[in-house]
Amino acid sequence: MVNIPVIAKRELNTFFLSPIAYLVLAGFAVGHGLLFAVFLWGSSVDLNAVAGSAFWVALYLLIVTVPLITMGLLSEEASSGTIETLLTTPVSDMEVVLGKYLGALLFGVAMLAPIALECVYLAAMGTLDYGPVAAGFLGLYLLIAQFVAIGLFCSSLTRVQVGSAIISFVMLLGLFFLWLVVRDRSSLAAVVLRYMAPPVHYDGFVKGIVDTRDLVYFASTTALFLFLSVRVLESRRWRGTA
């Protein structure tokens, strides 16, 4: 496991040397800031409602930005052929996956900086309930951790970065809205699909409620997609191709 920090640092350096990464950061910050200003302008009384809206806006922006962050984690290595070198070094598949995941996760967490500044601004304006704000940031972190794991898995499936981003985007949309296509909302299928939807579990955090069931959901789904990514890399090593 000593190689994980090395791979994570290498991945993080790659992000901060990429113009696309800065465009994603800037796009997220500007988009969220503009919507935050709209909510603030339309609500001069309830600052806590504005903070809650800010967290929900972040969730929907992450559906677009995280696939762009994760699309090249493994697909770029595969298309350039460097993954062959990586897989032949004395580094385990799990170390590769966890190292790249950690680097992307740290970069994803950096996107929370504008939201933190917005909350500081709200606190300076008046009374702000810090419990829901703290829980909201915890929920956002867990959401980013889950999304990055999904994006990493999608990146392991193809050599094409754009293809990886599209697969990841569609998968995230599916997790969000698939349960809505079930007509009978009380059916077992609807219950299962609803449980798989991230907003159902994220809602409690925004309200200031930290439920262990929601923690288990985010931890288990994140671990599942990391496990699947490891298995994909193992199959590549076994076939001797990238």
C-alpha atoms as a PDB file:
ATOM      1  CA  MET A   1       0.000   0.000   0.000  1.00  0.00           C
ATOM      2  CA  VAL A   2       3.047   2.297   0.091  1.00  0.00           C
ATOM      3  CA  ASN A   3       2.554   3.066  -3.603  1.00  0.00           C
ATOM      4  CA  ILE A   4      -0.914   4.577  -3.123  1.00  0.00           C
ATOM      5  CA  PRO A   5       0.299   8.041  -1.960  1.00  0.00           C
ATOM      6  CA  VAL A   6       2.833   8.120  -4.814  1.00  0.00           C
ATOM      7  CA  ILE A   7       0.179   7.374  -7.435  1.00  0.00           C
ATOM      8  CA  ALA A   8      -2.254   9.805  -5.796  1.00  0.00           C
ATOM      9  CA  LYS A   9       0.352  12.598  -5.827  1.00  0.00           C
ATOM     10  CA  ARG A  10       1.154  11.890  -9.470  1.00  0.00           C
ATOM     11  CA  GLU A  11      -2.527  11.997 -10.371  1.00  0.00           C
ATOM     12  CA  LEU A  12      -3.102  15.190  -8.410  1.00  0.00           C
ATOM     13  CA  ASN A  13      -0.158  16.870 -10.142  1.00  0.00           C
ATOM     14  CA  THR A  14      -1.613  15.803 -13.486  1.00  0.00           C
ATOM     15  CA  PHE A  15      -4.902  17.458 -12.604  1.00  0.00           C
ATOM     16  CA  PHE A  16      -3.319  20.770 -11.682  1.00  0.00           C
ATOM     17  CA  LEU A  17      -1.245  20.757 -14.873  1.00  0.00           C
ATOM     18  CA  SER A  18      -4.311  20.185 -17.042  1.00  0.00           C
ATOM     19  CA  PRO A  19      -6.228  23.168 -18.478  1.00  0.00           C
ATOM     20  CA  ILE A  20      -9.390  21.036 -18.572  1.00  0.00           C
ATOM     21  CA  ALA A  21      -9.209  20.582 -14.816  1.00  0.00           C
ATOM     22  CA  TYR A  22      -9.017  24.337 -14.268  1.00  0.00           C
ATOM     23  CA  LEU A  23     -11.930  24.848 -16.654  1.00  0.00           C
ATOM     24  CA  VAL A  24     -13.966  22.348 -14.644  1.00  0.00           C
ATOM     25  CA  LEU A  25     -13.096  24.102 -11.376  1.00  0.00           C
ATOM     26  CA  ALA A  26     -13.883  27.505 -12.840  1.00  0.00           C
ATOM     27  CA  GLY A  27     -17.108  26.285 -14.422  1.00  0.00           C
ATOM     28  CA  PHE A  28     -18.287  24.743 -11.177  1.00  0.00           C
ATOM     29  CA  ALA A  29     -17.392  27.843  -9.142  1.00  0.00           C
ATOM     30  CA  VAL A  30     -18.994  30.295 -11.584  1.00  0.00           C
ATOM     31  CA  GLY A  31     -22.097  28.182 -12.152  1.00  0.00           C
ATOM     32  CA  HIS A  32     -22.647  27.593  -8.460  1.00  0.00           C
ATOM     33  CA  GLY A  33     -21.880  31.214  -7.606  1.00  0.00           C
ATOM     34  CA  LEU A  34     -24.406  32.553 -10.083  1.00  0.00           C
ATOM     35  CA  LEU A  35     -27.161  30.251  -8.832  1.00  0.00           C
ATOM     36  CA  PHE A  36     -26.216  31.063  -5.241  1.00  0.00           C
ATOM     37  CA  ALA A  37     -26.634  34.766  -6.038  1.00  0.00           C
ATOM     38  CA  VAL A  38     -30.072  34.066  -7.518  1.00  0.00           C
ATOM     39  CA  PHE A  39     -31.181  32.190  -4.391  1.00  0.00           C
ATOM     40  CA  LEU A  40     -29.756  34.900  -2.143  1.00  0.00           C
ATOM     41  CA  TRP A  41     -31.457  37.660  -4.082  1.00  0.00           C
ATOM     42  CA  GLY A  42     -34.775  35.827  -3.950  1.00  0.00           C
ATOM     43  CA  SER A  43     -34.619  35.050  -0.236  1.00  0.00           C
ATOM     44  CA  SER A  44     -33.878  37.926   2.115  1.00  0.00           C
ATOM     45  CA  VAL A  45     -35.103  36.153   5.259  1.00  0.00           C
ATOM     46  CA  ASP A  46     -34.162  32.479   5.562  1.00  0.00           C
ATOM     47  CA  LEU A  47     -30.413  32.159   5.187  1.00  0.00           C
ATOM     48  CA  ASN A  48     -30.602  28.471   6.141  1.00  0.00           C
ATOM     49  CA  ALA A  49     -32.868  27.829   3.151  1.00  0.00           C
ATOM     50  CA  VAL A  50     -30.302  29.534   0.926  1.00  0.00           C
ATOM     51  CA  ALA A  51     -27.564  27.276   2.341  1.00  0.00           C
ATOM     52  CA  GLY A  52     -29.724  24.207   1.712  1.00  0.00           C
ATOM     53  CA  SER A  53     -30.356  25.305  -1.865  1.00  0.00           C
ATOM     54  CA  ALA A  54     -26.610  25.787  -2.332  1.00  0.00           C
ATOM     55  CA  PHE A  55     -25.985  22.174  -1.340  1.00  0.00           C
ATOM     56  CA  TRP A  56     -28.660  20.898  -3.734  1.00  0.00           C
ATOM     57  CA  VAL A  57     -27.239  22.965  -6.599  1.00  0.00           C
ATOM     58  CA  ALA A  58     -23.817  21.450  -5.932  1.00  0.00           C
ATOM     59  CA  LEU A  59     -25.277  17.963  -6.246  1.00  0.00           C
ATOM     60  CA  TYR A  60     -26.627  18.580  -9.746  1.00  0.00           C
ATOM     61  CA  LEU A  61     -23.467  20.344 -10.904  1.00  0.00           C
ATOM     62  CA  LEU A  62     -21.432  17.351  -9.764  1.00  0.00           C
ATOM     63  CA  ILE A  63     -23.332  15.117 -12.184  1.00  0.00           C
ATOM     64  CA  VAL A  64     -21.702  17.089 -14.995  1.00  0.00           C
ATOM     65  CA  THR A  65     -18.303  17.946 -13.531  1.00  0.00           C
ATOM     66  CA  VAL A  66     -17.244  14.645 -11.949  1.00  0.00           C
ATOM     67  CA  PRO A  67     -17.399  12.684 -15.249  1.00  0.00           C
ATOM     68  CA  LEU A  68     -15.101  15.329 -16.750  1.00  0.00           C
ATOM     69  CA  ILE A  69     -12.671  14.922 -13.853  1.00  0.00           C
ATOM     70  CA  THR A  70     -12.595  11.124 -13.914  1.00  0.00           C
ATOM     71  CA  MET A  71     -12.824  10.443 -17.649  1.00  0.00           C
ATOM     72  CA  GLY A  72      -9.058  10.187 -18.119  1.00  0.00           C
ATOM     73  CA  LEU A  73      -8.085   8.346 -14.941  1.00  0.00           C
ATOM     74  CA  LEU A  74      -7.631   4.987 -16.660  1.00  0.00           C
ATOM     75  CA  SER A  75      -8.886   5.530 -20.220  1.00  0.00           C
ATOM     76  CA  GLU A  76      -6.071   7.980 -21.000  1.00  0.00           C
ATOM     77  CA  GLU A  77      -3.513   5.505 -19.686  1.00  0.00           C
ATOM     78  CA  ALA A  78      -5.058   2.816 -21.889  1.00  0.00           C
ATOM     79  CA  SER A  79      -5.175   4.953 -25.038  1.00  0.00           C
ATOM     80  CA  SER A  80      -1.582   6.166 -24.614  1.00  0.00           C
ATOM     81  CA  GLY A  81      -0.270   2.720 -23.729  1.00  0.00           C
ATOM     82  CA  THR A  82       1.252   3.851 -20.431  1.00  0.00           C
ATOM     83  CA  ILE A  83      -1.056   1.553 -18.491  1.00  0.00           C
ATOM     84  CA  GLU A  84       0.919  -1.401 -19.842  1.00  0.00           C
ATOM     85  CA  THR A  85       4.017  -0.050 -18.133  1.00  0.00           C
ATOM     86  CA  LEU A  86       2.047   0.679 -14.987  1.00  0.00           C
ATOM     87  CA  LEU A  87       0.630  -2.842 -14.813  1.00  0.00           C
ATOM     88  CA  THR A  88       4.032  -4.458 -15.319  1.00  0.00           C
ATOM     89  CA  THR A  89       5.600  -2.564 -12.405  1.00  0.00           C
ATOM     90  CA  PRO A  90       5.544  -4.059  -8.902  1.00  0.00           C
ATOM     91  CA  VAL A  91       2.286  -2.279  -8.130  1.00  0.00           C
ATOM     92  CA  SER A  92      -0.922  -4.137  -7.385  1.00  0.00           C
ATOM     93  CA  ASP A  93      -4.171  -3.411  -9.195  1.00  0.00           C
ATOM     94  CA  MET A  94      -5.702  -2.262  -5.923  1.00  0.00           C
ATOM     95  CA  GLU A  95      -2.888   0.239  -5.384  1.00  0.00           C
ATOM     96  CA  VAL A  96      -3.397   1.639  -8.897  1.00  0.00           C
ATOM     97  CA  VAL A  97      -7.141   2.022  -8.370  1.00  0.00           C
ATOM     98  CA  LEU A  98      -6.887   3.461  -4.856  1.00  0.00           C
ATOM     99  CA  GLY A  99      -4.052   5.813  -5.796  1.00  0.00           C
ATOM    100  CA  LYS A 100      -5.891   7.249  -8.784  1.00  0.00           C
ATOM    101  CA  TYR A 101      -9.112   7.379  -6.783  1.00  0.00           C
ATOM    102  CA  LEU A 102      -7.478   9.286  -3.933  1.00  0.00           C
ATOM    103  CA  GLY A 103      -5.934  11.821  -6.306  1.00  0.00           C
ATOM    104  CA  ALA A 104      -9.254  12.445  -8.064  1.00  0.00           C
ATOM    105  CA  LEU A 105     -11.102  12.595  -4.739  1.00  0.00           C
ATOM    106  CA  LEU A 106      -8.762  15.263  -3.380  1.00  0.00           C
ATOM    107  CA  PHE A 107      -9.240  17.292  -6.539  1.00  0.00           C
ATOM    108  CA  GLY A 108     -13.008  16.863  -6.267  1.00  0.00           C
ATOM    109  CA  VAL A 109     -12.993  18.055  -2.674  1.00  0.00           C
ATOM    110  CA  ALA A 110     -11.223  21.225  -3.853  1.00  0.00           C
ATOM    111  CA  MET A 111     -14.454  22.138  -5.643  1.00  0.00           C
ATOM    112  CA  LEU A 112     -16.090  22.609  -2.234  1.00  0.00           C
ATOM    113  CA  ALA A 113     -14.023  25.758  -1.590  1.00  0.00           C
ATOM    114  CA  PRO A 114     -16.512  28.163  -3.264  1.00  0.00           C
ATOM    115  CA  ILE A 115     -19.382  26.650  -1.254  1.00  0.00           C
ATOM    116  CA  ALA A 116     -17.406  27.113   1.955  1.00  0.00           C
ATOM    117  CA  LEU A 117     -16.872  30.791   1.089  1.00  0.00           C
ATOM    118  CA  GLU A 118     -20.582  31.176   0.373  1.00  0.00           C
ATOM    119  CA  CYS A 119     -21.452  29.724   3.775  1.00  0.00           C
ATOM    120  CA  VAL A 120     -18.986  32.096   5.442  1.00  0.00           C
ATOM    121  CA  TYR A 121     -20.713  34.947   3.648  1.00  0.00           C
ATOM    122  CA  LEU A 122     -24.126  33.748   4.870  1.00  0.00           C
ATOM    123  CA  ALA A 123     -22.819  33.467   8.440  1.00  0.00           C
ATOM    124  CA  ALA A 124     -21.575  37.069   8.234  1.00  0.00           C
ATOM    125  CA  MET A 125     -25.002  38.199   7.039  1.00  0.00           C
ATOM    126  CA  GLY A 126     -26.953  36.806   9.989  1.00  0.00           C
ATOM    127  CA  THR A 127     -27.826  33.766  12.042  1.00  0.00           C
ATOM    128  CA  LEU A 128     -26.915  30.496  10.342  1.00  0.00           C
ATOM    129  CA  ASP A 129     -27.592  27.010  11.706  1.00  0.00           C
ATOM    130  CA  TYR A 130     -24.173  25.365  11.597  1.00  0.00           C
ATOM    131  CA  GLY A 131     -25.486  21.830  12.191  1.00  0.00           C
ATOM    132  CA  PRO A 132     -27.115  21.416   8.770  1.00  0.00           C
ATOM    133  CA  VAL A 133     -24.166  23.205   7.156  1.00  0.00           C
ATOM    134  CA  ALA A 134     -21.662  20.749   8.661  1.00  0.00           C
ATOM    135  CA  ALA A 135     -23.887  17.799   7.778  1.00  0.00           C
ATOM    136  CA  GLY A 136     -24.317  19.203   4.266  1.00  0.00           C
ATOM    137  CA  PHE A 137     -20.570  19.305   3.719  1.00  0.00           C
ATOM    138  CA  LEU A 138     -20.299  15.733   5.002  1.00  0.00           C
ATOM    139  CA  GLY A 139     -23.002  14.709   2.552  1.00  0.00           C
ATOM    140  CA  LEU A 140     -21.239  16.510  -0.293  1.00  0.00           C
ATOM    141  CA  TYR A 141     -17.974  14.757   0.535  1.00  0.00           C
ATOM    142  CA  LEU A 142     -19.672  11.350   0.536  1.00  0.00           C
ATOM    143  CA  LEU A 143     -21.411  12.222  -2.726  1.00  0.00           C
ATOM    144  CA  ILE A 144     -18.135  13.214  -4.385  1.00  0.00           C
ATOM    145  CA  ALA A 145     -16.509  10.025  -3.071  1.00  0.00           C
ATOM    146  CA  GLN A 146     -19.298   7.943  -4.607  1.00  0.00           C
ATOM    147  CA  PHE A 147     -19.322   9.835  -7.923  1.00  0.00           C
ATOM    148  CA  VAL A 148     -15.533   9.619  -8.307  1.00  0.00           C
ATOM    149  CA  ALA A 149     -15.662   5.856  -7.694  1.00  0.00           C
ATOM    150  CA  ILE A 150     -18.352   5.514 -10.383  1.00  0.00           C
ATOM    151  CA  GLY A 151     -16.363   7.711 -12.778  1.00  0.00           C
ATOM    152  CA  LEU A 152     -13.196   5.690 -12.156  1.00  0.00           C
ATOM    153  CA  PHE A 153     -15.054   2.476 -12.934  1.00  0.00           C
ATOM    154  CA  CYS A 154     -16.432   3.940 -16.173  1.00  0.00           C
ATOM    155  CA  SER A 155     -12.929   5.128 -17.102  1.00  0.00           C
ATOM    156  CA  SER A 156     -11.650   1.572 -16.696  1.00  0.00           C
ATOM    157  CA  LEU A 157     -14.136   0.278 -19.272  1.00  0.00           C
ATOM    158  CA  THR A 158     -12.902   2.179 -22.334  1.00  0.00           C
ATOM    159  CA  ARG A 159      -9.866   3.711 -23.990  1.00  0.00           C
ATOM    160  CA  VAL A 160     -11.832   6.790 -25.104  1.00  0.00           C
ATOM    161  CA  GLN A 161     -12.039   9.621 -22.576  1.00  0.00           C
ATOM    162  CA  VAL A 162     -15.171  11.139 -24.065  1.00  0.00           C
ATOM    163  CA  GLY A 163     -16.797   7.714 -24.024  1.00  0.00           C
ATOM    164  CA  SER A 164     -15.886   7.349 -20.361  1.00  0.00           C
ATOM    165  CA  ALA A 165     -17.431  10.734 -19.546  1.00  0.00           C
ATOM    166  CA  ILE A 166     -20.638   9.864 -21.399  1.00  0.00           C
ATOM    167  CA  ILE A 167     -20.959   6.460 -19.703  1.00  0.00           C
ATOM    168  CA  SER A 168     -20.361   8.029 -16.301  1.00  0.00           C
ATOM    169  CA  PHE A 169     -22.844  10.832 -16.952  1.00  0.00           C
ATOM    170  CA  VAL A 170     -25.543   8.410 -18.100  1.00  0.00           C
ATOM    171  CA  MET A 171     -24.918   6.118 -15.136  1.00  0.00           C
ATOM    172  CA  LEU A 172     -25.224   8.993 -12.661  1.00  0.00           C
ATOM    173  CA  LEU A 173     -28.431  10.193 -14.308  1.00  0.00           C
ATOM    174  CA  GLY A 174     -29.742   6.640 -14.202  1.00  0.00           C
ATOM    175  CA  LEU A 175     -29.044   6.347 -10.488  1.00  0.00           C
ATOM    176  CA  PHE A 176     -30.884   9.609  -9.908  1.00  0.00           C
ATOM    177  CA  PHE A 177     -33.959   9.177 -12.026  1.00  0.00           C
ATOM    178  CA  LEU A 178     -34.373   5.489 -12.905  1.00  0.00           C
ATOM    179  CA  TRP A 179     -36.838   4.852 -10.094  1.00  0.00           C
ATOM    180  CA  LEU A 180     -39.162   7.494 -11.562  1.00  0.00           C
ATOM    181  CA  VAL A 181     -39.927   5.299 -14.589  1.00  0.00           C
ATOM    182  CA  VAL A 182     -41.621   2.687 -12.391  1.00  0.00           C
ATOM    183  CA  ARG A 183     -45.333   3.385 -12.474  1.00  0.00           C
ATOM    184  CA  ASP A 184     -46.208   1.584  -9.253  1.00  0.00           C
ATOM    185  CA  ARG A 185     -44.218   3.585  -6.691  1.00  0.00           C
ATOM    186  CA  SER A 186     -45.106   1.063  -3.957  1.00  0.00           C
ATOM    187  CA  SER A 187     -43.691  -1.928  -5.854  1.00  0.00           C
ATOM    188  CA  LEU A 188     -40.509  -3.722  -4.797  1.00  0.00           C
ATOM    189  CA  ALA A 189     -38.723  -2.497  -7.938  1.00  0.00           C
ATOM    190  CA  ALA A 190     -39.577   1.109  -7.106  1.00  0.00           C
ATOM    191  CA  VAL A 191     -38.404   0.667  -3.510  1.00  0.00           C
ATOM    192  CA  VAL A 192     -35.088  -0.854  -4.616  1.00  0.00           C
ATOM    193  CA  LEU A 193     -34.465   1.762  -7.308  1.00  0.00           C
ATOM    194  CA  ARG A 194     -35.370   4.543  -4.924  1.00  0.00           C
ATOM    195  CA  TYR A 195     -32.893   3.196  -2.372  1.00  0.00           C
ATOM    196  CA  MET A 196     -30.188   3.298  -5.065  1.00  0.00           C
ATOM    197  CA  ALA A 197     -30.856   6.990  -5.811  1.00  0.00           C
ATOM    198  CA  PRO A 198     -28.236   9.273  -4.167  1.00  0.00           C
ATOM    199  CA  PRO A 199     -30.657  12.210  -3.564  1.00  0.00           C
ATOM    200  CA  VAL A 200     -32.770  10.034  -1.256  1.00  0.00           C
ATOM    201  CA  HIS A 201     -29.780   9.568   1.054  1.00  0.00           C
ATOM    202  CA  TYR A 202     -28.330  13.036   0.511  1.00  0.00           C
ATOM    203  CA  ASP A 203     -31.532  14.780   1.599  1.00  0.00           C
ATOM    204  CA  GLY A 204     -31.010  13.925   5.267  1.00  0.00           C
ATOM    205  CA  PHE A 205     -27.549  15.509   5.326  1.00  0.00           C
ATOM    206  CA  VAL A 206     -28.898  18.759   3.867  1.00  0.00           C
ATOM    207  CA  LYS A 207     -31.510  18.796   6.652  1.00  0.00           C
ATOM    208  CA  GLY A 208     -28.803  18.261   9.270  1.00  0.00           C
ATOM    209  CA  ILE A 209     -29.596  14.585   9.878  1.00  0.00           C
ATOM    210  CA  VAL A 210     -26.691  12.131   9.834  1.00  0.00           C
ATOM    211  CA  ASP A 211     -28.244   8.675   9.564  1.00  0.00           C
ATOM    212  CA  THR A 212     -26.044   5.573   9.772  1.00  0.00           C
ATOM    213  CA  ARG A 213     -28.126   3.975   6.995  1.00  0.00           C
ATOM    214  CA  ASP A 214     -27.132   6.780   4.654  1.00  0.00           C
ATOM    215  CA  LEU A 215     -23.488   6.467   5.690  1.00  0.00           C
ATOM    216  CA  VAL A 216     -23.616   2.729   4.960  1.00  0.00           C
ATOM    217  CA  TYR A 217     -25.203   3.404   1.569  1.00  0.00           C
ATOM    218  CA  PHE A 218     -22.494   5.816   0.426  1.00  0.00           C
ATOM    219  CA  ALA A 219     -19.655   3.716   1.871  1.00  0.00           C
ATOM    220  CA  SER A 220     -20.927   0.458   0.356  1.00  0.00           C
ATOM    221  CA  THR A 221     -21.632   1.854  -3.119  1.00  0.00           C
ATOM    222  CA  THR A 222     -18.253   3.598  -3.203  1.00  0.00           C
ATOM    223  CA  ALA A 223     -16.493   0.388  -2.174  1.00  0.00           C
ATOM    224  CA  LEU A 224     -18.483  -1.597  -4.769  1.00  0.00           C
ATOM    225  CA  PHE A 225     -17.384   0.548  -7.710  1.00  0.00           C
ATOM    226  CA  LEU A 226     -13.778   0.578  -6.509  1.00  0.00           C
ATOM    227  CA  PHE A 227     -13.910  -3.219  -6.304  1.00  0.00           C
ATOM    228  CA  LEU A 228     -15.325  -3.401  -9.844  1.00  0.00           C
ATOM    229  CA  SER A 229     -12.518  -1.136 -11.089  1.00  0.00           C
ATOM    230  CA  VAL A 230      -9.944  -3.463  -9.555  1.00  0.00           C
ATOM    231  CA  ARG A 231     -11.565  -6.447 -11.256  1.00  0.00           C
ATOM    232  CA  VAL A 232     -11.464  -4.710 -14.635  1.00  0.00           C
ATOM    233  CA  LEU A 233      -7.747  -4.006 -14.208  1.00  0.00           C
ATOM    234  CA  GLU A 234      -7.184  -7.607 -13.133  1.00  0.00           C
ATOM    235  CA  SER A 235      -8.858  -8.831 -16.316  1.00  0.00           C
ATOM    236  CA  ARG A 236      -6.597  -6.567 -18.384  1.00  0.00           C
ATOM    237  CA  ARG A 237      -3.503  -7.880 -16.645  1.00  0.00           C
ATOM    238  CA  TRP A 238      -4.714 -11.458 -17.159  1.00  0.00           C
ATOM    239  CA  ARG A 239      -5.316 -10.870 -20.882  1.00  0.00           C
ATOM    240  CA  GLY A 240      -1.971  -9.087 -21.143  1.00  0.00           C
ATOM    241  CA  THR A 241      -3.559  -6.110 -22.942  1.00  0.00           C
ATOM    242  CA  ALA A 242      -4.640  -2.624 -22.071  1.00  0.00           C
END
